[in-house]
Amino acid sequence: MIQIAMTLSQVRPITIFTPSDANAGNTNAQALTVKEVVARLPEDRFHVTMLCSGDAPDPRLRARANTRLVRWAKHGNTVRLLSRCLFPPPDIYFFPRTGPLDRAFFALRKSLRLNTALVTYIVMAMDPATGSGMIGRSILEGDMVFGNSLHVSETIQQMFGVKASAIYDGVDQRYFFPRERHAENGDVTVLYAGSFQPRKRVDLIIRQAARLPGLRFRLAGKGETDKDCRDLAQQLGCSNLSFLGHLSAERLGEEMRQADIFFFPSILEGNPQVLLQAAACGLPSIAMELYRSDYVVNGRTGFLIQSDAELSARLDQLAGDAALRRSFARAAIQHARQFDWDKIAGQWAAVFERAWQKRRPCVQQKVS
């Protein structure tokens, strides 16, 4: 008689629920992360349930035999989706958010003592504002907690006393890859991509465009400050500025390959995927040092800036030095190659295995 200890994942797939959107057109950074991870998880080891807000799910996810997509409806989503988390409960709840579904599941997980492991992924540096409410609760109640950069992980430990390892996001090489050749024609293009929110400071970019009429500025994205930004551009007479609206990943990659400088003055982030996307396209970046992004190597692939005055100075420097831009572009492409989604998805697969093992004992099987 031989005693063999087997984990549940060797008997049946580990079940995972994530309140993330599988829609192909959703370019939100958190949704992109989950789609890329789920698309690469071994189908014989993991069964994933996630949401889909439209009629066009990511084709990779739609084709997976062990991935179930739950349609987002106009009404009654919380109750309907909660039933998918209770009958039966998943082995793992991955990447909780701050919505009513998460709040309801957290309450029932505690009151019903559900044997579901909570795997929390934090994508914003923690402080009293960003770490309040459900975000803080997901950290304190998480079985395993991760940040999307070393800096984010450090802020989690500093604020909550919870040890958090770093797992980086990757870059989708279907859309973000280097240009074959870029002619230096003297017409320098500066690109911004991201949401239009106060913390992103798109208005600062518009003022740079007014200051530097010899450069072309292109702004990709939309959001609450969109109208104010357009009004400011008209007020300042920025004829060298274009508003592109929301772009698909494919179109954003094309814009990045046509640009010369990626300008990102946001003051509150985690580890912005857009900086990695720019690097993969060979686009030097200028961003703030506040959140210490690992996707920009200061002085080698771009600049991490400590003040607005330095933002202007570094923009002038890069705009006026084609050789420096080429040097940064080569280094950025090389740097971006280490952030491979296949490798990162393997890290998450190992996390899910460990998270399940922490919540459930081994299953003993006897083999004669």
Protein backbone atom coordinates (compact mmCIF):
# COMPACT_ATOMS: atom_id res chain seq x y z
CA MET A 1 0.00 0.00 0.00
CA ILE A 2 1.48 3.40 -1.09
CA GLN A 3 0.36 6.63 0.56
CA ILE A 4 0.34 9.59 -1.85
CA ALA A 5 -0.46 13.16 -0.73
CA MET A 6 -2.14 15.18 -3.45
CA THR A 7 -3.37 18.76 -3.45
CA LEU A 8 -6.84 19.50 -4.71
CA SER A 9 -5.35 21.07 -7.85
CA GLN A 10 -4.14 17.60 -8.82
CA VAL A 11 -7.67 16.19 -8.41
CA ARG A 12 -9.65 19.02 -10.03
CA PRO A 13 -8.87 22.58 -11.15
CA ILE A 14 -8.57 25.29 -8.53
CA THR A 15 -11.59 27.58 -8.89
CA ILE A 16 -10.99 31.34 -9.02
CA PHE A 17 -13.49 34.19 -9.06
CA THR A 18 -12.37 37.70 -9.98
CA PRO A 19 -14.60 40.80 -10.26
CA SER A 20 -12.68 41.84 -13.38
CA ASP A 21 -13.94 42.61 -16.87
CA ALA A 22 -13.11 40.30 -19.78
CA ASN A 23 -14.35 42.76 -22.40
CA ALA A 24 -11.77 43.10 -25.19
CA GLY A 25 -12.26 46.87 -25.34
CA ASN A 26 -11.64 47.48 -21.64
CA THR A 27 -8.15 49.04 -21.47
CA ASN A 28 -8.27 49.83 -17.76
CA ALA A 29 -4.93 48.74 -16.31
CA GLN A 30 -6.49 46.39 -13.73
CA ALA A 31 -8.69 44.71 -16.35
CA LEU A 32 -5.70 44.32 -18.67
CA THR A 33 -3.70 42.62 -15.92
CA VAL A 34 -6.35 40.03 -15.16
CA LYS A 35 -7.07 39.30 -18.82
CA GLU A 36 -3.38 38.69 -19.53
CA VAL A 37 -2.97 36.42 -16.49
CA VAL A 38 -6.15 34.39 -17.04
CA ALA A 39 -5.36 33.91 -20.74
CA ARG A 40 -2.15 32.12 -19.73
CA LEU A 41 -3.25 30.02 -16.76
CA PRO A 42 -3.08 26.27 -17.47
CA GLU A 43 -6.62 25.10 -18.19
CA ASP A 44 -6.10 21.75 -16.50
CA ARG A 45 -5.14 23.44 -13.21
CA PHE A 46 -7.42 26.49 -12.96
CA HIS A 47 -11.07 27.29 -13.59
CA VAL A 48 -11.77 31.04 -13.66
CA THR A 49 -15.05 32.95 -13.44
CA MET A 50 -14.96 36.63 -14.37
CA LEU A 51 -17.29 39.36 -15.62
CA CYS A 52 -17.91 40.61 -19.14
CA SER A 53 -19.49 44.03 -19.59
CA GLY A 54 -20.25 43.78 -23.32
CA ASP A 55 -20.71 41.49 -26.26
CA ALA A 56 -17.05 41.41 -27.27
CA PRO A 57 -15.03 39.41 -24.72
CA ASP A 58 -11.32 38.94 -25.23
CA PRO A 59 -11.23 36.12 -27.81
CA ARG A 60 -8.49 34.32 -25.87
CA LEU A 61 -10.75 34.10 -22.81
CA ARG A 62 -13.85 33.19 -24.78
CA ALA A 63 -11.96 30.26 -26.29
CA ARG A 64 -10.81 28.86 -22.94
CA ALA A 65 -12.73 25.75 -21.91
CA ASN A 66 -12.18 26.44 -18.21
CA THR A 67 -13.09 30.12 -18.18
CA ARG A 68 -16.67 31.18 -17.48
CA LEU A 69 -17.74 34.71 -18.42
CA VAL A 70 -20.70 36.18 -16.56
CA ARG A 71 -22.50 38.92 -18.48
CA TRP A 72 -22.92 42.28 -16.83
CA ALA A 73 -26.61 43.29 -16.84
CA LYS A 74 -28.34 46.65 -16.43
CA HIS A 75 -29.81 45.71 -13.05
CA GLY A 76 -29.38 43.19 -10.24
CA ASN A 77 -25.71 42.46 -10.81
CA THR A 78 -24.67 42.26 -7.16
CA VAL A 79 -27.19 39.55 -6.20
CA ARG A 80 -26.74 37.63 -9.44
CA LEU A 81 -22.94 37.71 -9.32
CA LEU A 82 -22.84 36.98 -5.61
CA SER A 83 -24.66 33.72 -6.29
CA ARG A 84 -21.73 32.74 -8.51
CA CYS A 85 -19.46 33.25 -5.48
CA LEU A 86 -21.53 31.15 -3.09
CA PHE A 87 -22.89 28.14 -4.98
CA PRO A 88 -20.30 26.83 -4.60
CA PRO A 89 -17.76 29.23 -3.09
CA PRO A 90 -14.57 29.55 -5.18
CA ASP A 91 -11.25 28.37 -3.85
CA ILE A 92 -9.80 31.85 -4.49
CA TYR A 93 -11.22 35.37 -4.77
CA PHE A 94 -8.64 37.30 -6.80
CA PHE A 95 -8.01 41.03 -7.08
CA PRO A 96 -10.91 42.43 -5.01
CA ARG A 97 -12.17 45.91 -5.85
CA THR A 98 -14.32 48.40 -3.94
CA GLY A 99 -17.81 47.76 -5.29
CA PRO A 100 -20.97 46.36 -3.67
CA LEU A 101 -20.16 42.83 -4.86
CA ASP A 102 -16.85 42.88 -3.00
CA ARG A 103 -18.41 44.32 0.15
CA ALA A 104 -21.14 41.67 0.15
CA PHE A 105 -18.70 38.82 -0.46
CA PHE A 106 -16.33 40.01 2.27
CA ALA A 107 -19.21 40.11 4.76
CA LEU A 108 -20.46 36.64 3.84
CA ARG A 109 -16.96 35.19 3.75
CA LYS A 110 -16.57 36.23 7.36
CA SER A 111 -20.04 35.40 8.68
CA LEU A 112 -20.31 32.06 6.86
CA ARG A 113 -16.64 31.21 7.39
CA LEU A 114 -16.17 30.46 3.73
CA ASN A 115 -13.02 28.55 2.96
CA THR A 116 -12.12 30.91 0.12
CA ALA A 117 -8.59 32.31 -0.06
CA LEU A 118 -8.41 36.05 -0.69
CA VAL A 119 -5.54 37.09 -2.98
CA THR A 120 -5.19 40.87 -2.97
CA TYR A 121 -3.32 42.87 -5.59
CA ILE A 122 -2.66 46.56 -4.88
CA VAL A 123 -1.83 48.87 -7.77
CA MET A 124 -1.62 52.23 -5.98
CA ALA A 125 0.84 53.51 -3.40
CA MET A 126 -0.86 53.41 0.00
CA ASP A 127 -1.54 56.47 2.14
CA PRO A 128 -4.47 57.47 4.41
CA ALA A 129 -6.55 58.42 1.36
CA THR A 130 -5.82 55.53 -1.01
CA GLY A 131 -5.69 52.90 1.74
CA SER A 132 -9.09 53.59 3.27
CA GLY A 133 -12.30 51.57 3.03
CA MET A 134 -12.38 48.35 1.05
CA ILE A 135 -8.79 48.70 -0.12
CA GLY A 136 -7.52 48.61 3.44
CA ARG A 137 -9.90 45.79 4.31
CA SER A 138 -8.71 43.69 1.36
CA ILE A 139 -5.14 44.09 2.62
CA LEU A 140 -5.88 43.27 6.26
CA GLU A 141 -8.11 40.28 5.42
CA GLY A 142 -6.06 38.99 2.50
CA ASP A 143 -4.45 35.57 2.73
CA MET A 144 -1.77 36.77 0.33
CA VAL A 145 -1.13 40.41 -0.60
CA PHE A 146 0.93 41.78 -3.47
CA GLY A 147 1.85 45.18 -4.88
CA ASN A 148 2.60 45.97 -8.51
CA SER A 149 5.99 47.49 -7.64
CA LEU A 150 8.57 47.43 -4.87
CA HIS A 151 7.47 50.90 -3.81
CA VAL A 152 3.78 49.96 -3.61
CA SER A 153 4.68 46.86 -1.57
CA GLU A 154 6.74 49.00 0.80
CA THR A 155 3.84 51.41 1.37
CA ILE A 156 1.54 48.46 2.16
CA GLN A 157 3.90 47.22 4.86
CA GLN A 158 4.49 50.71 6.24
CA MET A 159 0.80 51.55 6.54
CA PHE A 160 -0.71 48.18 7.50
CA GLY A 161 2.17 46.11 8.83
CA VAL A 162 1.33 43.48 6.20
CA LYS A 163 4.16 41.90 4.24
CA ALA A 164 3.51 42.25 0.53
CA SER A 165 5.70 40.94 -2.26
CA ALA A 166 5.90 42.62 -5.66
CA ILE A 167 4.59 41.08 -8.86
CA TYR A 168 4.96 43.33 -11.87
CA ASP A 169 2.59 43.77 -14.76
CA GLY A 170 3.79 42.80 -18.20
CA VAL A 171 3.48 44.29 -21.66
CA ASP A 172 1.26 42.99 -24.47
CA GLN A 173 3.68 42.48 -27.33
CA ARG A 174 0.82 42.15 -29.82
CA TYR A 175 0.39 45.92 -29.66
CA PHE A 176 3.43 47.40 -27.96
CA PHE A 177 6.65 46.75 -29.87
CA PRO A 178 9.47 48.90 -31.30
CA ARG A 179 9.19 50.79 -34.58
CA GLU A 180 11.36 49.50 -37.38
CA ARG A 181 12.75 52.90 -38.29
CA HIS A 182 12.01 56.46 -37.23
CA ALA A 183 13.08 59.33 -39.44
CA GLU A 184 14.39 62.43 -37.69
CA ASN A 185 12.53 65.20 -39.50
CA GLY A 186 12.82 67.89 -36.85
CA ASP A 187 9.13 67.68 -35.94
CA VAL A 188 9.26 66.35 -32.35
CA THR A 189 6.05 64.76 -31.07
CA VAL A 190 5.18 64.57 -27.37
CA LEU A 191 2.55 62.02 -26.34
CA TYR A 192 0.43 61.65 -23.21
CA ALA A 193 -1.83 58.63 -22.63
CA GLY A 194 -4.02 58.12 -19.59
CA SER A 195 -7.25 59.22 -18.00
CA PHE A 196 -8.20 62.86 -17.64
CA GLN A 197 -8.32 63.25 -13.86
CA PRO A 198 -6.99 66.03 -11.61
CA ARG A 199 -4.14 63.82 -10.33
CA LYS A 200 -2.97 63.20 -13.90
CA ARG A 201 -2.40 66.96 -14.45
CA VAL A 202 -3.21 67.04 -18.15
CA ASP A 203 -3.56 70.80 -17.83
CA LEU A 204 0.20 70.99 -17.18
CA ILE A 205 0.84 69.30 -20.54
CA ILE A 206 -1.38 71.85 -22.26
CA ARG A 207 0.63 74.67 -20.71
CA GLN A 208 3.80 73.02 -21.99
CA ALA A 209 2.25 72.94 -25.45
CA ALA A 210 1.57 76.67 -25.21
CA ARG A 211 5.16 77.26 -24.08
CA LEU A 212 6.66 75.12 -26.88
CA PRO A 213 4.75 75.87 -30.11
CA GLY A 214 7.49 74.18 -32.16
CA LEU A 215 6.60 70.74 -30.74
CA ARG A 216 3.54 68.62 -31.48
CA PHE A 217 1.53 67.41 -28.47
CA ARG A 218 -0.97 64.55 -28.66
CA LEU A 219 -3.25 63.62 -25.74
CA ALA A 220 -4.87 60.18 -25.63
CA GLY A 221 -7.60 59.48 -23.10
CA LYS A 222 -10.77 60.84 -21.61
CA GLY A 223 -12.23 61.61 -18.19
CA GLU A 224 -13.72 64.18 -15.87
CA THR A 225 -11.32 67.03 -16.72
CA ASP A 226 -11.68 66.57 -20.49
CA LYS A 227 -13.84 69.65 -21.08
CA ASP A 228 -11.72 71.88 -18.84
CA CYS A 229 -8.60 70.76 -20.69
CA ARG A 230 -10.13 71.48 -24.08
CA ASP A 231 -11.28 74.89 -22.88
CA LEU A 232 -7.77 75.65 -21.59
CA ALA A 233 -6.18 74.61 -24.89
CA GLN A 234 -8.54 76.91 -26.77
CA GLN A 235 -7.89 79.75 -24.32
CA LEU A 236 -4.11 79.39 -24.74
CA GLY A 237 -4.37 79.06 -28.52
CA CYS A 238 -2.61 75.68 -28.70
CA SER A 239 -2.73 74.92 -32.42
CA ASN A 240 0.03 72.31 -31.91
CA LEU A 241 -2.16 70.14 -29.65
CA SER A 242 -4.46 67.26 -30.60
CA PHE A 243 -7.04 65.48 -28.42
CA LEU A 244 -7.24 61.85 -29.53
CA GLY A 245 -9.91 60.55 -27.15
CA HIS A 246 -9.91 56.97 -25.90
CA LEU A 247 -7.67 54.67 -27.94
CA SER A 248 -7.65 50.90 -28.27
CA ALA A 249 -4.42 49.14 -27.34
CA GLU A 250 -3.63 48.69 -31.03
CA ARG A 251 -4.06 52.39 -31.83
CA LEU A 252 -2.15 53.44 -28.72
CA GLY A 253 0.79 51.29 -29.77
CA GLU A 254 0.74 52.96 -33.18
CA GLU A 255 0.72 56.42 -31.56
CA MET A 256 3.66 55.49 -29.34
CA ARG A 257 5.71 54.32 -32.29
CA GLN A 258 5.10 57.65 -34.05
CA ALA A 259 5.97 59.80 -31.01
CA ASP A 260 9.38 60.96 -29.77
CA ILE A 261 8.74 61.61 -26.06
CA PHE A 262 6.22 60.20 -23.59
CA PHE A 263 5.25 62.91 -21.08
CA PHE A 264 3.46 61.74 -17.93
CA PRO A 265 3.19 64.35 -15.12
CA SER A 266 0.73 62.40 -12.92
CA ILE A 267 1.43 62.76 -9.19
CA LEU A 268 -0.43 59.74 -7.79
CA GLU A 269 0.11 56.25 -9.21
CA GLY A 270 1.24 52.73 -8.45
CA ASN A 271 3.41 51.45 -11.28
CA PRO A 272 1.68 52.73 -14.43
CA GLN A 273 1.47 50.15 -17.21
CA VAL A 274 1.50 52.95 -19.76
CA LEU A 275 5.14 53.69 -18.90
CA LEU A 276 6.03 50.07 -19.68
CA GLN A 277 4.04 50.19 -22.91
CA ALA A 278 5.93 53.31 -23.94
CA ALA A 279 9.26 51.67 -23.13
CA ALA A 280 8.36 48.58 -25.19
CA CYS A 281 7.69 50.87 -28.16
CA GLY A 282 11.08 52.54 -27.75
CA LEU A 283 9.62 55.76 -26.41
CA PRO A 284 11.66 57.70 -23.78
CA SER A 285 9.52 58.77 -20.83
CA ILE A 286 9.41 61.76 -18.50
CA ALA A 287 7.46 61.00 -15.32
CA MET A 288 7.37 61.95 -11.65
CA GLU A 289 9.72 60.27 -9.17
CA LEU A 290 7.04 60.24 -6.44
CA TYR A 291 5.85 56.69 -7.13
CA ARG A 292 9.27 55.34 -8.18
CA SER A 293 8.11 53.42 -11.23
CA ASP A 294 10.30 50.43 -12.04
CA TYR A 295 9.42 50.83 -15.72
CA VAL A 296 11.64 53.91 -16.11
CA VAL A 297 15.35 53.82 -15.36
CA ASN A 298 16.25 57.39 -14.51
CA GLY A 299 18.91 58.78 -16.81
CA ARG A 300 18.98 55.65 -18.99
CA THR A 301 15.50 55.05 -20.44
CA GLY A 302 13.97 58.39 -19.46
CA PHE A 303 13.75 60.81 -16.56
CA LEU A 304 12.05 60.55 -13.15
CA ILE A 305 11.40 64.10 -12.02
CA GLN A 306 11.09 65.72 -8.59
CA SER A 307 9.61 69.13 -9.50
CA ASP A 308 7.56 70.86 -12.17
CA ALA A 309 10.49 73.07 -13.04
CA GLU A 310 12.54 69.97 -13.76
CA LEU A 311 9.70 68.58 -15.89
CA SER A 312 10.05 71.57 -18.18
CA ALA A 313 13.83 71.41 -18.21
CA ARG A 314 13.95 67.69 -19.08
CA LEU A 315 11.32 68.12 -21.77
CA ASP A 316 13.45 70.85 -23.34
CA GLN A 317 16.53 68.64 -23.07
CA LEU A 318 14.95 65.60 -24.74
CA ALA A 319 13.21 67.65 -27.40
CA GLY A 320 16.50 69.26 -28.39
CA ASP A 321 18.71 66.15 -28.37
CA ALA A 322 17.88 63.49 -30.95
CA ALA A 323 20.93 61.41 -30.03
CA LEU A 324 19.83 61.25 -26.40
CA ARG A 325 16.33 60.18 -27.47
CA ARG A 326 17.78 57.38 -29.58
CA SER A 327 20.00 56.23 -26.71
CA PHE A 328 17.07 56.21 -24.28
CA ALA A 329 14.88 54.40 -26.83
CA ARG A 330 17.37 51.54 -27.24
CA ALA A 331 17.73 51.15 -23.48
CA ALA A 332 13.95 51.33 -22.95
CA ILE A 333 13.30 48.50 -25.42
CA GLN A 334 15.88 46.32 -23.69
CA HIS A 335 14.52 47.16 -20.23
CA ALA A 336 10.92 46.36 -21.22
CA ARG A 337 11.83 42.85 -22.37
CA GLN A 338 12.21 41.58 -18.81
CA PHE A 339 8.49 42.19 -18.11
CA ASP A 340 7.16 39.16 -19.96
CA TRP A 341 3.52 38.17 -19.41
CA ASP A 342 4.22 34.44 -19.74
CA LYS A 343 6.71 34.60 -16.88
CA ILE A 344 4.43 36.81 -14.78
CA ALA A 345 1.42 34.54 -15.32
CA GLY A 346 3.59 31.68 -14.07
CA GLN A 347 4.25 33.65 -10.89
CA TRP A 348 0.50 34.12 -10.38
CA ALA A 349 -0.17 30.43 -10.98
CA ALA A 350 2.30 29.59 -8.22
CA VAL A 351 0.61 32.17 -5.95
CA PHE A 352 -2.81 30.60 -6.51
CA GLU A 353 -1.44 27.17 -5.67
CA ARG A 354 0.09 28.45 -2.43
CA ALA A 355 -3.02 30.43 -1.49
CA TRP A 356 -5.20 27.35 -1.87
CA GLN A 357 -2.78 25.21 0.13
CA LYS A 358 -2.87 27.75 2.97
CA ARG A 359 -6.66 27.43 3.21
CA ARG A 360 -7.08 23.66 2.71
CA PRO A 361 -5.12 20.60 3.83
CA CYS A 362 -3.76 18.04 1.43
CA VAL A 363 -6.12 15.38 0.16
CA GLN A 364 -4.85 11.94 1.00
CA GLN A 365 -5.34 9.31 -1.60
CA LYS A 366 -4.48 5.70 -1.21
CA VAL A 367 -3.06 3.90 -4.17
CA SER A 368 -2.73 0.16 -4.00
